[in-house]
Amino acid sequence: MKHSLWIAAWAVLLCACGEKPQALVSTSRDAPAYSGTGKAYAVGGWKQGDKASWESQLKARTQQGQNDYGRMN
């Protein structure tokens, strides 16, 4: 009984020593939203990669009632 307790304690200690370092790695998913996805399915009037047309599309959506924050009230 005592022997198995020591084995369990050593197993816990060894698991704690095996942690891998955590480093921030940038991926291609860090692109701005207005850059688009490269797919052909886009709203008319919006040009992928154009920040000004992206912002105008967002303004148009909020004016058309697609703003979820306004619906909550």
N, C-alpha and C. Protein backbone atom coordinates (compact mmCIF):
# COMPACT_ATOMS: atom_id res chain seq x y z
N MET A 1 0.83 -1.18 0.00
CA MET A 1 0.00 0.00 0.00
C MET A 1 0.88 1.25 0.00
N LYS A 2 1.88 1.27 0.85
CA LYS A 2 2.78 2.40 0.94
C LYS A 2 3.58 2.55 -0.36
N HIS A 3 3.93 1.43 -0.95
CA HIS A 3 4.73 1.42 -2.17
C HIS A 3 3.93 2.04 -3.33
N SER A 4 2.66 1.76 -3.44
CA SER A 4 1.85 2.31 -4.53
C SER A 4 1.63 3.80 -4.33
N LEU A 5 1.60 4.26 -3.10
CA LEU A 5 1.45 5.69 -2.84
C LEU A 5 2.68 6.45 -3.32
N TRP A 6 3.87 5.90 -3.10
CA TRP A 6 5.10 6.53 -3.59
C TRP A 6 5.14 6.55 -5.12
N ILE A 7 4.69 5.49 -5.73
CA ILE A 7 4.68 5.43 -7.20
C ILE A 7 3.73 6.50 -7.75
N ALA A 8 2.58 6.65 -7.12
CA ALA A 8 1.62 7.66 -7.57
C ALA A 8 2.20 9.06 -7.38
N ALA A 9 2.89 9.30 -6.28
CA ALA A 9 3.49 10.61 -6.03
C ALA A 9 4.57 10.91 -7.07
N TRP A 10 5.40 9.93 -7.41
CA TRP A 10 6.44 10.14 -8.42
C TRP A 10 5.81 10.37 -9.80
N ALA A 11 4.72 9.69 -10.09
CA ALA A 11 4.05 9.87 -11.38
C ALA A 11 3.52 11.30 -11.52
N VAL A 12 2.96 11.82 -10.43
CA VAL A 12 2.45 13.20 -10.46
C VAL A 12 3.60 14.18 -10.65
N LEU A 13 4.71 13.95 -9.97
CA LEU A 13 5.85 14.85 -10.11
C LEU A 13 6.44 14.80 -11.52
N LEU A 14 6.50 13.63 -12.11
CA LEU A 14 7.04 13.51 -13.46
C LEU A 14 6.14 14.16 -14.49
N CYS A 15 4.84 14.08 -14.28
CA CYS A 15 3.91 14.73 -15.21
C CYS A 15 4.05 16.24 -15.15
N ALA A 16 4.33 16.77 -13.99
CA ALA A 16 4.47 18.22 -13.85
C ALA A 16 5.72 18.73 -14.56
N CYS A 17 6.72 17.89 -14.70
CA CYS A 17 7.97 18.31 -15.35
C CYS A 17 7.88 18.23 -16.87
N GLY A 18 6.84 17.64 -17.40
CA GLY A 18 6.76 17.42 -18.84
C GLY A 18 6.00 18.48 -19.60
N GLU A 19 5.77 19.63 -19.03
CA GLU A 19 5.00 20.65 -19.74
C GLU A 19 5.84 21.27 -20.85
N LYS A 20 5.21 21.45 -22.00
CA LYS A 20 5.88 22.03 -23.15
C LYS A 20 5.81 23.55 -23.06
N PRO A 21 6.81 24.25 -23.57
CA PRO A 21 6.75 25.72 -23.56
C PRO A 21 5.64 26.23 -24.47
N GLN A 22 4.96 27.26 -24.05
CA GLN A 22 3.86 27.83 -24.82
C GLN A 22 4.31 29.14 -25.43
N ALA A 23 4.44 29.16 -26.74
CA ALA A 23 4.88 30.35 -27.44
C ALA A 23 3.80 30.80 -28.41
N LEU A 24 3.66 32.09 -28.58
CA LEU A 24 2.68 32.64 -29.50
C LEU A 24 3.21 32.50 -30.92
N VAL A 25 2.47 31.80 -31.73
CA VAL A 25 2.86 31.58 -33.12
C VAL A 25 1.81 32.23 -34.00
N SER A 26 2.21 33.13 -34.84
CA SER A 26 1.24 33.78 -35.72
C SER A 26 0.88 32.84 -36.87
N THR A 27 -0.38 32.92 -37.25
CA THR A 27 -0.88 32.09 -38.35
C THR A 27 -1.46 32.99 -39.42
N SER A 28 -1.87 32.42 -40.50
CA SER A 28 -2.46 33.20 -41.58
C SER A 28 -3.87 33.66 -41.22
N ARG A 29 -4.44 33.18 -40.12
CA ARG A 29 -5.78 33.59 -39.71
C ARG A 29 -5.78 34.97 -39.08
N ASP A 30 -4.64 35.59 -38.92
CA ASP A 30 -4.56 36.89 -38.28
C ASP A 30 -4.75 38.04 -39.27
N ALA A 31 -5.31 37.78 -40.42
CA ALA A 31 -5.54 38.81 -41.42
C ALA A 31 -6.73 39.67 -41.01
N PRO A 32 -6.74 40.94 -41.40
CA PRO A 32 -7.90 41.77 -41.08
C PRO A 32 -9.16 41.27 -41.77
N ALA A 33 -10.31 41.56 -41.19
CA ALA A 33 -11.57 41.03 -41.70
C ALA A 33 -11.89 41.53 -43.10
N TYR A 34 -11.51 42.75 -43.41
CA TYR A 34 -11.83 43.30 -44.73
C TYR A 34 -11.01 42.69 -45.86
N SER A 35 -9.99 41.89 -45.54
CA SER A 35 -9.18 41.29 -46.60
C SER A 35 -9.94 40.19 -47.33
N GLY A 36 -10.99 39.66 -46.72
CA GLY A 36 -11.83 38.66 -47.40
C GLY A 36 -11.28 37.26 -47.27
N THR A 37 -11.99 36.34 -47.90
CA THR A 37 -11.61 34.93 -47.83
C THR A 37 -11.11 34.39 -49.16
N GLY A 38 -11.29 35.18 -50.22
CA GLY A 38 -10.89 34.71 -51.54
C GLY A 38 -11.98 33.92 -52.23
N LYS A 39 -13.13 33.76 -51.59
CA LYS A 39 -14.25 33.03 -52.18
C LYS A 39 -15.11 33.99 -53.01
N ALA A 40 -15.84 33.42 -53.93
CA ALA A 40 -16.66 34.24 -54.82
C ALA A 40 -17.96 34.70 -54.17
N TYR A 41 -18.33 34.16 -53.02
CA TYR A 41 -19.59 34.50 -52.37
C TYR A 41 -19.41 35.74 -51.50
N ALA A 42 -19.69 36.88 -52.07
CA ALA A 42 -19.55 38.14 -51.34
C ALA A 42 -20.73 39.03 -51.69
N VAL A 43 -21.03 39.96 -50.82
CA VAL A 43 -22.11 40.90 -51.03
C VAL A 43 -21.72 41.85 -52.16
N GLY A 44 -22.68 42.14 -53.01
CA GLY A 44 -22.42 43.08 -54.10
C GLY A 44 -22.06 44.45 -53.56
N GLY A 45 -21.09 45.12 -54.13
CA GLY A 45 -20.67 46.42 -53.66
C GLY A 45 -19.47 46.37 -52.73
N TRP A 46 -19.12 45.19 -52.29
CA TRP A 46 -17.96 45.06 -51.41
C TRP A 46 -16.81 44.44 -52.19
N LYS A 47 -15.68 45.11 -52.17
CA LYS A 47 -14.49 44.60 -52.85
C LYS A 47 -13.55 44.03 -51.80
N GLN A 48 -13.16 42.79 -51.94
CA GLN A 48 -12.29 42.16 -50.96
C GLN A 48 -10.95 42.88 -50.92
N GLY A 49 -10.52 43.22 -49.72
CA GLY A 49 -9.26 43.92 -49.53
C GLY A 49 -9.41 45.43 -49.43
N ASP A 50 -10.61 45.95 -49.68
CA ASP A 50 -10.85 47.39 -49.61
C ASP A 50 -11.52 47.73 -48.29
N LYS A 51 -10.78 48.41 -47.42
CA LYS A 51 -11.28 48.71 -46.07
C LYS A 51 -12.46 49.68 -46.11
N ALA A 52 -12.43 50.65 -47.01
CA ALA A 52 -13.52 51.63 -47.09
C ALA A 52 -14.83 50.98 -47.49
N SER A 53 -14.81 50.08 -48.47
CA SER A 53 -16.05 49.41 -48.87
C SER A 53 -16.53 48.45 -47.78
N TRP A 54 -15.61 47.87 -47.02
CA TRP A 54 -15.98 47.02 -45.88
C TRP A 54 -16.75 47.83 -44.83
N GLU A 55 -16.21 49.01 -44.50
CA GLU A 55 -16.86 49.85 -43.51
C GLU A 55 -18.22 50.35 -43.99
N SER A 56 -18.34 50.66 -45.28
CA SER A 56 -19.64 51.12 -45.79
C SER A 56 -20.66 49.98 -45.77
N GLN A 57 -20.24 48.76 -46.01
CA GLN A 57 -21.15 47.62 -45.92
C GLN A 57 -21.61 47.39 -44.48
N LEU A 58 -20.72 47.57 -43.50
CA LEU A 58 -21.11 47.43 -42.10
C LEU A 58 -22.11 48.50 -41.70
N LYS A 59 -21.91 49.73 -42.16
CA LYS A 59 -22.85 50.81 -41.87
C LYS A 59 -24.21 50.52 -42.48
N ALA A 60 -24.21 50.01 -43.71
CA ALA A 60 -25.47 49.69 -44.38
C ALA A 60 -26.21 48.57 -43.64
N ARG A 61 -25.51 47.61 -43.12
CA ARG A 61 -26.16 46.52 -42.38
C ARG A 61 -26.81 47.03 -41.10
N THR A 62 -26.16 47.95 -40.41
CA THR A 62 -26.75 48.47 -39.17
C THR A 62 -27.97 49.31 -39.47
N GLN A 63 -27.99 50.00 -40.60
CA GLN A 63 -29.15 50.82 -40.96
C GLN A 63 -30.31 49.95 -41.44
N GLN A 64 -30.03 48.75 -41.94
CA GLN A 64 -31.07 47.85 -42.43
C GLN A 64 -31.65 46.98 -41.33
N GLY A 65 -31.24 47.20 -40.10
CA GLY A 65 -31.81 46.45 -39.00
C GLY A 65 -31.09 45.16 -38.68
N GLN A 66 -29.88 44.99 -39.14
CA GLN A 66 -29.13 43.78 -38.84
C GLN A 66 -28.21 43.97 -37.65
N ASN A 67 -28.55 44.91 -36.78
CA ASN A 67 -27.77 45.17 -35.59
C ASN A 67 -28.40 44.43 -34.42
N ASP A 68 -27.74 43.41 -33.91
CA ASP A 68 -28.28 42.59 -32.82
C ASP A 68 -28.35 43.34 -31.50
N TYR A 69 -27.52 44.36 -31.32
CA TYR A 69 -27.54 45.10 -30.06
C TYR A 69 -28.83 45.89 -29.91
N GLY A 70 -29.37 46.39 -30.99
CA GLY A 70 -30.61 47.12 -30.94
C GLY A 70 -31.81 46.22 -30.64
N ARG A 71 -31.74 44.97 -31.03
CA ARG A 71 -32.84 44.03 -30.80
C ARG A 71 -32.94 43.60 -29.35
N MET A 72 -31.88 43.69 -28.63
CA MET A 72 -31.87 43.20 -27.24
C MET A 72 -32.70 44.09 -26.33
N ASN A 73 -32.83 45.35 -26.68
CA ASN A 73 -33.54 46.30 -25.79
C ASN A 73 -35.01 46.16 -25.87
